[in-house]
Amino acid sequence: VRTPPACARACQGRATLDTLVLHRLSEASGEATRLRGADGR
């Protein structure tokens, strides 16, 4: 529910890592290595 305050350094604006709930879409490691983030990397 609350990540450490230091985690805010990874965020911009009001975004947060708190209370993140994610569902597994793939078990393939090959796909996982090609996943891109919001920054395009």
PDB file of all heavy atoms in Angstrom:
ATOM      1  N   VAL A   1       0.837  -1.199   0.000  1.00  0.00           N
ATOM      2  CA  VAL A   1       0.000   0.000   0.000  1.00  0.00           C
ATOM      3  C   VAL A   1       0.870   1.246   0.000  1.00  0.00           C
ATOM      4  O   VAL A   1       0.581   2.233  -0.677  1.00  0.00           O
ATOM      5  CB  VAL A   1      -0.957  -0.006   1.208  1.00  0.00           C
ATOM      6  CG1 VAL A   1      -1.710   1.311   1.322  1.00  0.00           C
ATOM      7  CG2 VAL A   1      -1.925  -1.174   1.100  1.00  0.00           C
ATOM      8  N   ARG A   2       1.951   1.215   0.743  1.00  0.00           N
ATOM      9  CA  ARG A   2       2.896   2.343   0.779  1.00  0.00           C
ATOM     10  C   ARG A   2       4.297   1.805   0.508  1.00  0.00           C
ATOM     11  O   ARG A   2       4.820   1.006   1.262  1.00  0.00           O
ATOM     12  CB  ARG A   2       2.885   3.015   2.140  1.00  0.00           C
ATOM     13  CG  ARG A   2       1.581   3.647   2.475  1.00  0.00           C
ATOM     14  CD  ARG A   2       1.797   5.109   2.857  1.00  0.00           C
ATOM     15  NE  ARG A   2       0.564   5.706   3.316  1.00  0.00           N
ATOM     16  CZ  ARG A   2      -0.268   6.355   2.506  1.00  0.00           C
ATOM     17  NH1 ARG A   2       0.010   6.471   1.254  1.00  0.00           N
ATOM     18  NH2 ARG A   2      -1.368   6.887   2.982  1.00  0.00           N
ATOM     19  N   THR A   3       4.880   2.271  -0.587  1.00  0.00           N
ATOM     20  CA  THR A   3       6.271   1.943  -0.858  1.00  0.00           C
ATOM     21  C   THR A   3       7.124   2.986  -0.127  1.00  0.00           C
ATOM     22  O   THR A   3       6.623   4.056   0.240  1.00  0.00           O
ATOM     23  CB  THR A   3       6.571   1.961  -2.374  1.00  0.00           C
ATOM     24  OG1 THR A   3       6.181   3.210  -2.919  1.00  0.00           O
ATOM     25  CG2 THR A   3       5.848   0.825  -3.089  1.00  0.00           C
ATOM     26  N   PRO A   4       8.402   2.708   0.104  1.00  0.00           N
ATOM     27  CA  PRO A   4       9.261   3.669   0.806  1.00  0.00           C
ATOM     28  C   PRO A   4       9.300   5.027   0.082  1.00  0.00           C
ATOM     29  O   PRO A   4       9.199   5.085  -1.150  1.00  0.00           O
ATOM     30  CB  PRO A   4      10.636   3.007   0.780  1.00  0.00           C
ATOM     31  CG  PRO A   4      10.347   1.545   0.635  1.00  0.00           C
ATOM     32  CD  PRO A   4       9.114   1.462  -0.204  1.00  0.00           C
ATOM     33  N   PRO A   5       9.471   6.108   0.830  1.00  0.00           N
ATOM     34  CA  PRO A   5       9.554   7.443   0.215  1.00  0.00           C
ATOM     35  C   PRO A   5      10.629   7.535  -0.874  1.00  0.00           C
ATOM     36  O   PRO A   5      10.471   8.291  -1.835  1.00  0.00           O
ATOM     37  CB  PRO A   5       9.874   8.362   1.393  1.00  0.00           C
ATOM     38  CG  PRO A   5       9.364   7.637   2.593  1.00  0.00           C
ATOM     39  CD  PRO A   5       9.535   6.171   2.292  1.00  0.00           C
ATOM     40  N   ALA A   6      11.702   6.751  -0.760  1.00  0.00           N
ATOM     41  CA  ALA A   6      12.777   6.776  -1.758  1.00  0.00           C
ATOM     42  C   ALA A   6      12.282   6.351  -3.141  1.00  0.00           C
ATOM     43  O   ALA A   6      12.874   6.714  -4.160  1.00  0.00           O
ATOM     44  CB  ALA A   6      13.923   5.876  -1.308  1.00  0.00           C
ATOM     45  N   CYS A   7      11.196   5.608  -3.204  1.00  0.00           N
ATOM     46  CA  CYS A   7      10.664   5.152  -4.498  1.00  0.00           C
ATOM     47  C   CYS A   7      10.095   6.305  -5.317  1.00  0.00           C
ATOM     48  O   CYS A   7       9.967   6.192  -6.536  1.00  0.00           O
ATOM     49  CB  CYS A   7       9.598   4.086  -4.281  1.00  0.00           C
ATOM     50  SG  CYS A   7      10.241   2.568  -3.524  1.00  0.00           S
ATOM     51  N   ALA A   8       9.783   7.420  -4.668  1.00  0.00           N
ATOM     52  CA  ALA A   8       9.238   8.584  -5.373  1.00  0.00           C
ATOM     53  C   ALA A   8      10.242   9.147  -6.376  1.00  0.00           C
ATOM     54  O   ALA A   8       9.852   9.808  -7.348  1.00  0.00           O
ATOM     55  CB  ALA A   8       8.814   9.656  -4.377  1.00  0.00           C
ATOM     56  N   ARG A   9      11.537   8.869  -6.191  1.00  0.00           N
ATOM     57  CA  ARG A   9      12.562   9.355  -7.132  1.00  0.00           C
ATOM     58  C   ARG A   9      12.411   8.754  -8.521  1.00  0.00           C
ATOM     59  O   ARG A   9      12.873   9.323  -9.499  1.00  0.00           O
ATOM     60  CB  ARG A   9      13.959   9.060  -6.602  1.00  0.00           C
ATOM     61  CG  ARG A   9      14.356  10.017  -5.497  1.00  0.00           C
ATOM     62  CD  ARG A   9      15.701   9.655  -4.985  1.00  0.00           C
ATOM     63  NE  ARG A   9      15.433   9.074  -3.678  1.00  0.00           N
ATOM     64  CZ  ARG A   9      16.319   8.805  -2.759  1.00  0.00           C
ATOM     65  NH1 ARG A   9      17.576   8.996  -2.993  1.00  0.00           N
ATOM     66  NH2 ARG A   9      15.976   8.315  -1.605  1.00  0.00           N
ATOM     67  N   ALA A  10      11.749   7.606  -8.603  1.00  0.00           N
ATOM     68  CA  ALA A  10      11.531   6.956  -9.898  1.00  0.00           C
ATOM     69  C   ALA A  10      10.296   7.507 -10.605  1.00  0.00           C
ATOM     70  O   ALA A  10       9.996   7.101 -11.724  1.00  0.00           O
ATOM     71  CB  ALA A  10      11.379   5.451  -9.699  1.00  0.00           C
ATOM     72  N   CYS A  11       9.596   8.421  -9.950  1.00  0.00           N
ATOM     73  CA  CYS A  11       8.303   8.887 -10.463  1.00  0.00           C
ATOM     74  C   CYS A  11       8.299  10.372 -10.790  1.00  0.00           C
ATOM     75  O   CYS A  11       9.081  11.146 -10.242  1.00  0.00           O
ATOM     76  CB  CYS A  11       7.220   8.603  -9.427  1.00  0.00           C
ATOM     77  SG  CYS A  11       7.056   6.844  -9.034  1.00  0.00           S
ATOM     78  N   GLN A  12       7.386  10.749 -11.674  1.00  0.00           N
ATOM     79  CA  GLN A  12       7.153  12.142 -12.035  1.00  0.00           C
ATOM     80  C   GLN A  12       5.699  12.479 -11.718  1.00  0.00           C
ATOM     81  O   GLN A  12       4.821  11.609 -11.784  1.00  0.00           O
ATOM     82  CB  GLN A  12       7.363  12.360 -13.533  1.00  0.00           C
ATOM     83  CG  GLN A  12       8.742  12.092 -14.023  1.00  0.00           C
ATOM     84  CD  GLN A  12       8.803  12.175 -15.548  1.00  0.00           C
ATOM     85  OE1 GLN A  12       7.790  12.229 -16.226  1.00  0.00           O
ATOM     86  NE2 GLN A  12      10.017  12.181 -16.075  1.00  0.00           N
ATOM     87  N   GLY A  13       5.455  13.738 -11.423  1.00  0.00           N
ATOM     88  CA  GLY A  13       4.091  14.182 -11.155  1.00  0.00           C
ATOM     89  C   GLY A  13       3.509  13.481  -9.943  1.00  0.00           C
ATOM     90  O   GLY A  13       4.187  13.280  -8.944  1.00  0.00           O
ATOM     91  N   ARG A  14       2.272  13.084 -10.054  1.00  0.00           N
ATOM     92  CA  ARG A  14       1.591  12.412  -8.938  1.00  0.00           C
ATOM     93  C   ARG A  14       1.647  10.896  -9.027  1.00  0.00           C
ATOM     94  O   ARG A  14       1.021  10.202  -8.228  1.00  0.00           O
ATOM     95  CB  ARG A  14       0.132  12.857  -8.891  1.00  0.00           C
ATOM     96  CG  ARG A  14      -0.029  14.333  -8.567  1.00  0.00           C
ATOM     97  CD  ARG A  14      -1.460  14.713  -8.658  1.00  0.00           C
ATOM     98  NE  ARG A  14      -1.946  14.217  -9.948  1.00  0.00           N
ATOM     99  CZ  ARG A  14      -2.971  14.694 -10.610  1.00  0.00           C
ATOM    100  NH1 ARG A  14      -3.653  15.668 -10.117  1.00  0.00           N
ATOM    101  NH2 ARG A  14      -3.334  14.197 -11.768  1.00  0.00           N
ATOM    102  N   ALA A  15       2.355  10.368 -10.004  1.00  0.00           N
ATOM    103  CA  ALA A  15       2.447   8.913 -10.160  1.00  0.00           C
ATOM    104  C   ALA A  15       3.179   8.304  -8.966  1.00  0.00           C
ATOM    105  O   ALA A  15       4.027   8.934  -8.350  1.00  0.00           O
ATOM    106  CB  ALA A  15       3.174   8.564 -11.448  1.00  0.00           C
ATOM    107  N   THR A  16       2.832   7.061  -8.665  1.00  0.00           N
ATOM    108  CA  THR A  16       3.423   6.357  -7.532  1.00  0.00           C
ATOM    109  C   THR A  16       3.442   4.852  -7.809  1.00  0.00           C
ATOM    110  O   THR A  16       2.683   4.360  -8.645  1.00  0.00           O
ATOM    111  CB  THR A  16       2.630   6.652  -6.243  1.00  0.00           C
ATOM    112  OG1 THR A  16       3.201   5.918  -5.165  1.00  0.00           O
ATOM    113  CG2 THR A  16       1.173   6.261  -6.371  1.00  0.00           C
ATOM    114  N   LEU A  17       4.279   4.151  -7.095  1.00  0.00           N
ATOM    115  CA  LEU A  17       4.325   2.688  -7.170  1.00  0.00           C
ATOM    116  C   LEU A  17       3.439   2.050  -6.095  1.00  0.00           C
ATOM    117  O   LEU A  17       3.310   0.830  -6.060  1.00  0.00           O
ATOM    118  CB  LEU A  17       5.764   2.196  -7.010  1.00  0.00           C
ATOM    119  CG  LEU A  17       6.743   2.630  -8.102  1.00  0.00           C
ATOM    120  CD1 LEU A  17       8.161   2.182  -7.754  1.00  0.00           C
ATOM    121  CD2 LEU A  17       6.323   2.087  -9.457  1.00  0.00           C
ATOM    122  N   ASP A  18       2.832   2.871  -5.255  1.00  0.00           N
ATOM    123  CA  ASP A  18       1.985   2.361  -4.172  1.00  0.00           C
ATOM    124  C   ASP A  18       0.795   1.564  -4.727  1.00  0.00           C
ATOM    125  O   ASP A  18       0.195   1.938  -5.732  1.00  0.00           O
ATOM    126  CB  ASP A  18       1.425   3.513  -3.332  1.00  0.00           C
ATOM    127  CG  ASP A  18       2.498   4.302  -2.615  1.00  0.00           C
ATOM    128  OD1 ASP A  18       3.654   3.851  -2.578  1.00  0.00           O
ATOM    129  OD2 ASP A  18       2.168   5.386  -2.098  1.00  0.00           O
ATOM    130  N   THR A  19       0.474   0.475  -4.038  1.00  0.00           N
ATOM    131  CA  THR A  19      -0.725  -0.322  -4.296  1.00  0.00           C
ATOM    132  C   THR A  19      -0.846  -0.806  -5.743  1.00  0.00           C
ATOM    133  O   THR A  19      -1.937  -0.982  -6.258  1.00  0.00           O
ATOM    134  CB  THR A  19      -2.000   0.473  -3.902  1.00  0.00           C
ATOM    135  OG1 THR A  19      -1.773   1.163  -2.689  1.00  0.00           O
ATOM    136  CG2 THR A  19      -3.170  -0.456  -3.671  1.00  0.00           C
ATOM    137  N   LEU A  20       0.254  -1.022  -6.393  1.00  0.00           N
ATOM    138  CA  LEU A  20       0.239  -1.507  -7.768  1.00  0.00           C
ATOM    139  C   LEU A  20      -0.160  -2.982  -7.770  1.00  0.00           C
ATOM    140  O   LEU A  20       0.388  -3.790  -7.013  1.00  0.00           O
ATOM    141  CB  LEU A  20       1.635  -1.330  -8.371  1.00  0.00           C
ATOM    142  CG  LEU A  20       1.816  -1.582  -9.856  1.00  0.00           C
ATOM    143  CD1 LEU A  20       0.918  -0.673 -10.680  1.00  0.00           C
ATOM    144  CD2 LEU A  20       3.270  -1.364 -10.238  1.00  0.00           C
ATOM    145  N   VAL A  21      -1.143  -3.336  -8.573  1.00  0.00           N
ATOM    146  CA  VAL A  21      -1.587  -4.728  -8.726  1.00  0.00           C
ATOM    147  C   VAL A  21      -1.518  -5.063 -10.203  1.00  0.00           C
ATOM    148  O   VAL A  21      -2.129  -4.388 -11.034  1.00  0.00           O
ATOM    149  CB  VAL A  21      -3.034  -4.933  -8.204  1.00  0.00           C
ATOM    150  CG1 VAL A  21      -3.491  -6.362  -8.450  1.00  0.00           C
ATOM    151  CG2 VAL A  21      -3.140  -4.574  -6.736  1.00  0.00           C
ATOM    152  N   LEU A  22      -0.753  -6.091 -10.526  1.00  0.00           N
ATOM    153  CA  LEU A  22      -0.539  -6.477 -11.919  1.00  0.00           C
ATOM    154  C   LEU A  22      -0.865  -7.951 -12.111  1.00  0.00           C
ATOM    155  O   LEU A  22      -0.704  -8.759 -11.202  1.00  0.00           O
ATOM    156  CB  LEU A  22       0.915  -6.227 -12.308  1.00  0.00           C
ATOM    157  CG  LEU A  22       1.394  -4.787 -12.134  1.00  0.00           C
ATOM    158  CD1 LEU A  22       2.905  -4.725 -12.056  1.00  0.00           C
ATOM    159  CD2 LEU A  22       0.870  -3.931 -13.260  1.00  0.00           C
ATOM    160  N   HIS A  23      -1.313  -8.284 -13.308  1.00  0.00           N
ATOM    161  CA  HIS A  23      -1.649  -9.667 -13.648  1.00  0.00           C
ATOM    162  C   HIS A  23      -0.659 -10.189 -14.680  1.00  0.00           C
ATOM    163  O   HIS A  23      -0.282  -9.468 -15.611  1.00  0.00           O
ATOM    164  CB  HIS A  23      -3.073  -9.755 -14.212  1.00  0.00           C
ATOM    165  CG  HIS A  23      -4.099  -9.280 -13.253  1.00  0.00           C
ATOM    166  ND1 HIS A  23      -4.636 -10.088 -12.292  1.00  0.00           N
ATOM    167  CD2 HIS A  23      -4.650  -8.054 -13.088  1.00  0.00           C
ATOM    168  CE1 HIS A  23      -5.499  -9.382 -11.574  1.00  0.00           C
ATOM    169  NE2 HIS A  23      -5.526  -8.141 -12.033  1.00  0.00           N
ATOM    170  N   ARG A  24      -0.271 -11.439 -14.518  1.00  0.00           N
ATOM    171  CA  ARG A  24       0.695 -12.035 -15.445  1.00  0.00           C
ATOM    172  C   ARG A  24       0.034 -12.242 -16.804  1.00  0.00           C
ATOM    173  O   ARG A  24      -1.009 -12.872 -16.915  1.00  0.00           O
ATOM    174  CB  ARG A  24       1.185 -13.368 -14.909  1.00  0.00           C
ATOM    175  CG  ARG A  24       2.297 -13.962 -15.736  1.00  0.00           C
ATOM    176  CD  ARG A  24       2.661 -15.320 -15.232  1.00  0.00           C
ATOM    177  NE  ARG A  24       4.022 -15.310 -14.737  1.00  0.00           N
ATOM    178  CZ  ARG A  24       4.597 -16.357 -14.173  1.00  0.00           C
ATOM    179  NH1 ARG A  24       3.932 -17.466 -13.988  1.00  0.00           N
ATOM    180  NH2 ARG A  24       5.831 -16.286 -13.755  1.00  0.00           N
ATOM    181  N   LEU A  25       0.670 -11.684 -17.832  1.00  0.00           N
ATOM    182  CA  LEU A  25       0.182 -11.836 -19.200  1.00  0.00           C
ATOM    183  C   LEU A  25       0.986 -12.866 -19.971  1.00  0.00           C
ATOM    184  O   LEU A  25       0.496 -13.440 -20.937  1.00  0.00           O
ATOM    185  CB  LEU A  25       0.254 -10.503 -19.952  1.00  0.00           C
ATOM    186  CG  LEU A  25      -0.560  -9.352 -19.386  1.00  0.00           C
ATOM    187  CD1 LEU A  25      -0.408  -8.127 -20.268  1.00  0.00           C
ATOM    188  CD2 LEU A  25      -2.020  -9.735 -19.254  1.00  0.00           C
ATOM    189  N   SER A  26       2.240 -13.069 -19.573  1.00  0.00           N
ATOM    190  CA  SER A  26       3.114 -13.988 -20.295  1.00  0.00           C
ATOM    191  C   SER A  26       4.150 -14.558 -19.338  1.00  0.00           C
ATOM    192  O   SER A  26       4.626 -13.863 -18.452  1.00  0.00           O
ATOM    193  CB  SER A  26       3.816 -13.244 -21.431  1.00  0.00           C
ATOM    194  OG  SER A  26       4.815 -14.059 -22.007  1.00  0.00           O
ATOM    195  N   GLU A  27       4.492 -15.814 -19.559  1.00  0.00           N
ATOM    196  CA  GLU A  27       5.551 -16.465 -18.793  1.00  0.00           C
ATOM    197  C   GLU A  27       6.841 -16.537 -19.604  1.00  0.00           C
ATOM    198  O   GLU A  27       7.842 -17.045 -19.126  1.00  0.00           O
ATOM    199  CB  GLU A  27       5.128 -17.882 -18.413  1.00  0.00           C
ATOM    200  CG  GLU A  27       3.904 -17.934 -17.538  1.00  0.00           C
ATOM    201  CD  GLU A  27       3.435 -19.358 -17.302  1.00  0.00           C
ATOM    202  OE1 GLU A  27       4.102 -20.310 -17.748  1.00  0.00           O
ATOM    203  OE2 GLU A  27       2.381 -19.508 -16.670  1.00  0.00           O
ATOM    204  N   ALA A  28       6.815 -16.034 -20.813  1.00  0.00           N
ATOM    205  CA  ALA A  28       7.950 -16.157 -21.723  1.00  0.00           C
ATOM    206  C   ALA A  28       9.030 -15.128 -21.402  1.00  0.00           C
ATOM    207  O   ALA A  28       8.789 -13.925 -21.449  1.00  0.00           O
ATOM    208  CB  ALA A  28       7.485 -15.995 -23.166  1.00  0.00           C
ATOM    209  N   SER A  29      10.212 -15.607 -21.081  1.00  0.00           N
ATOM    210  CA  SER A  29      11.316 -14.706 -20.757  1.00  0.00           C
ATOM    211  C   SER A  29      11.731 -13.881 -21.967  1.00  0.00           C
ATOM    212  O   SER A  29      12.139 -12.731 -21.837  1.00  0.00           O
ATOM    213  CB  SER A  29      12.499 -15.487 -20.195  1.00  0.00           C
ATOM    214  OG  SER A  29      12.954 -16.431 -21.144  1.00  0.00           O
ATOM    215  N   GLY A  30      11.605 -14.450 -23.157  1.00  0.00           N
ATOM    216  CA  GLY A  30      11.945 -13.716 -24.368  1.00  0.00           C
ATOM    217  C   GLY A  30      11.072 -12.484 -24.546  1.00  0.00           C
ATOM    218  O   GLY A  30      11.547 -11.417 -24.956  1.00  0.00           O
ATOM    219  N   GLU A  31       9.796 -12.606 -24.260  1.00  0.00           N
ATOM    220  CA  GLU A  31       8.891 -11.451 -24.345  1.00  0.00           C
ATOM    221  C   GLU A  31       9.216 -10.433 -23.258  1.00  0.00           C
ATOM    222  O   GLU A  31       9.179  -9.232 -23.500  1.00  0.00           O
ATOM    223  CB  GLU A  31       7.440 -11.895 -24.225  1.00  0.00           C
ATOM    224  CG  GLU A  31       6.926 -12.637 -25.417  1.00  0.00           C
ATOM    225  CD  GLU A  31       5.481 -13.068 -25.279  1.00  0.00           C
ATOM    226  OE1 GLU A  31       4.890 -12.967 -24.189  1.00  0.00           O
ATOM    227  OE2 GLU A  31       4.939 -13.513 -26.289  1.00  0.00           O
ATOM    228  N   ALA A  32       9.535 -10.926 -22.074  1.00  0.00           N
ATOM    229  CA  ALA A  32       9.839 -10.023 -20.954  1.00  0.00           C
ATOM    230  C   ALA A  32      11.055  -9.158 -21.244  1.00  0.00           C
ATOM    231  O   ALA A  32      11.093  -7.990 -20.866  1.00  0.00           O
ATOM    232  CB  ALA A  32      10.040 -10.818 -19.667  1.00  0.00           C
ATOM    233  N   THR A  33      12.043  -9.690 -21.948  1.00  0.00           N
ATOM    234  CA  THR A  33      13.247  -8.909 -22.245  1.00  0.00           C
ATOM    235  C   THR A  33      12.977  -7.825 -23.288  1.00  0.00           C
ATOM    236  O   THR A  33      13.761  -6.886 -23.414  1.00  0.00           O
ATOM    237  CB  THR A  33      14.404  -9.795 -22.751  1.00  0.00           C
ATOM    238  OG1 THR A  33      13.997 -10.475 -23.940  1.00  0.00           O
ATOM    239  CG2 THR A  33      14.831 -10.793 -21.697  1.00  0.00           C
ATOM    240  N   ARG A  34      11.864  -7.920 -24.020  1.00  0.00           N
ATOM    241  CA  ARG A  34      11.534  -6.927 -25.048  1.00  0.00           C
ATOM    242  C   ARG A  34      10.471  -5.916 -24.599  1.00  0.00           C
ATOM    243  O   ARG A  34      10.087  -5.047 -25.382  1.00  0.00           O
ATOM    244  CB  ARG A  34      11.076  -7.638 -26.321  1.00  0.00           C
ATOM    245  CG  ARG A  34      12.201  -8.416 -26.990  1.00  0.00           C
ATOM    246  CD  ARG A  34      11.807  -8.995 -28.328  1.00  0.00           C
ATOM    247  NE  ARG A  34      10.648  -9.866 -28.311  1.00  0.00           N
ATOM    248  CZ  ARG A  34      10.673 -11.163 -28.047  1.00  0.00           C
ATOM    249  NH1 ARG A  34      11.807 -11.754 -27.746  1.00  0.00           N
ATOM    250  NH2 ARG A  34       9.575 -11.883 -28.089  1.00  0.00           N
ATOM    251  N   LEU A  35      10.015  -5.998 -23.362  1.00  0.00           N
ATOM    252  CA  LEU A  35       8.985  -5.086 -22.868  1.00  0.00           C
ATOM    253  C   LEU A  35       9.556  -3.686 -22.688  1.00  0.00           C
ATOM    254  O   LEU A  35      10.632  -3.508 -22.129  1.00  0.00           O
ATOM    255  CB  LEU A  35       8.425  -5.598 -21.535  1.00  0.00           C
ATOM    256  CG  LEU A  35       7.257  -4.810 -20.965  1.00  0.00           C
ATOM    257  CD1 LEU A  35       6.020  -4.956 -21.856  1.00  0.00           C
ATOM    258  CD2 LEU A  35       6.937  -5.292 -19.556  1.00  0.00           C
ATOM    259  N   ARG A  36       8.817  -2.690 -23.147  1.00  0.00           N
ATOM    260  CA  ARG A  36       9.245  -1.288 -23.044  1.00  0.00           C
ATOM    261  C   ARG A  36       8.390  -0.548 -22.029  1.00  0.00           C
ATOM    262  O   ARG A  36       7.212  -0.816 -21.861  1.00  0.00           O
ATOM    263  CB  ARG A  36       9.159  -0.597 -24.397  1.00  0.00           C
ATOM    264  CG  ARG A  36      10.138  -1.207 -25.386  1.00  0.00           C
ATOM    265  CD  ARG A  36      10.241  -0.434 -26.666  1.00  0.00           C
ATOM    266  NE  ARG A  36      11.188  -1.059 -27.569  1.00  0.00           N
ATOM    267  CZ  ARG A  36      12.483  -0.810 -27.592  1.00  0.00           C
ATOM    268  NH1 ARG A  36      12.999   0.070 -26.767  1.00  0.00           N
ATOM    269  NH2 ARG A  36      13.283  -1.426 -28.453  1.00  0.00           N
ATOM    270  N   GLY A  37       9.025   0.417 -21.376  1.00  0.00           N
ATOM    271  CA  GLY A  37       8.351   1.218 -20.375  1.00  0.00           C
ATOM    272  C   GLY A  37       7.762   2.491 -20.952  1.00  0.00           C
ATOM    273  O   GLY A  37       7.829   2.741 -22.160  1.00  0.00           O
ATOM    274  N   ALA A  38       7.219   3.336 -20.084  1.00  0.00           N
ATOM    275  CA  ALA A  38       6.607   4.590 -20.493  1.00  0.00           C
ATOM    276  C   ALA A  38       7.610   5.527 -21.137  1.00  0.00           C
ATOM    277  O   ALA A  38       7.232   6.436 -21.879  1.00  0.00           O
ATOM    278  CB  ALA A  38       5.955   5.256 -19.283  1.00  0.00           C
ATOM    279  N   ASP A  39       8.901   5.317 -20.885  1.00  0.00           N
ATOM    280  CA  ASP A  39       9.943   6.163 -21.482  1.00  0.00           C
ATOM    281  C   ASP A  39      10.423   5.626 -22.837  1.00  0.00           C
ATOM    282  O   ASP A  39      11.308   6.182 -23.457  1.00  0.00           O
ATOM    283  CB  ASP A  39      11.129   6.309 -20.538  1.00  0.00           C
ATOM    284  CG  ASP A  39      11.788   4.976 -20.178  1.00  0.00           C
ATOM    285  OD1 ASP A  39      11.304   3.915 -20.643  1.00  0.00           O
ATOM    286  OD2 ASP A  39      12.769   4.997 -19.421  1.00  0.00           O
ATOM    287  N   GLY A  40       9.825   4.514 -23.300  1.00  0.00           N
ATOM    288  CA  GLY A  40      10.185   3.932 -24.588  1.00  0.00           C
ATOM    289  C   GLY A  40      11.382   3.000 -24.555  1.00  0.00           C
ATOM    290  O   GLY A  40      11.712   2.374 -25.548  1.00  0.00           O
ATOM    291  N   ARG A  41      12.033   2.892 -23.406  1.00  0.00           N
ATOM    292  CA  ARG A  41      13.220   2.046 -23.287  1.00  0.00           C
ATOM    293  C   ARG A  41      12.842   0.648 -22.777  1.00  0.00           C
ATOM    294  O   ARG A  41      11.816   0.473 -22.125  1.00  0.00           O
ATOM    295  CB  ARG A  41      14.218   2.681 -22.331  1.00  0.00           C
ATOM    296  CG  ARG A  41      14.749   3.988 -22.864  1.00  0.00           C
ATOM    297  CD  ARG A  41      15.778   4.563 -21.948  1.00  0.00           C
ATOM    298  NE  ARG A  41      16.288   5.809 -22.486  1.00  0.00           N
ATOM    299  CZ  ARG A  41      16.928   6.705 -21.783  1.00  0.00           C
ATOM    300  NH1 ARG A  41      17.167   6.483 -20.502  1.00  0.00           N
ATOM    301  NH2 ARG A  41      17.354   7.797 -22.345  1.00  0.00           N
TER     302      ARG A  41
END
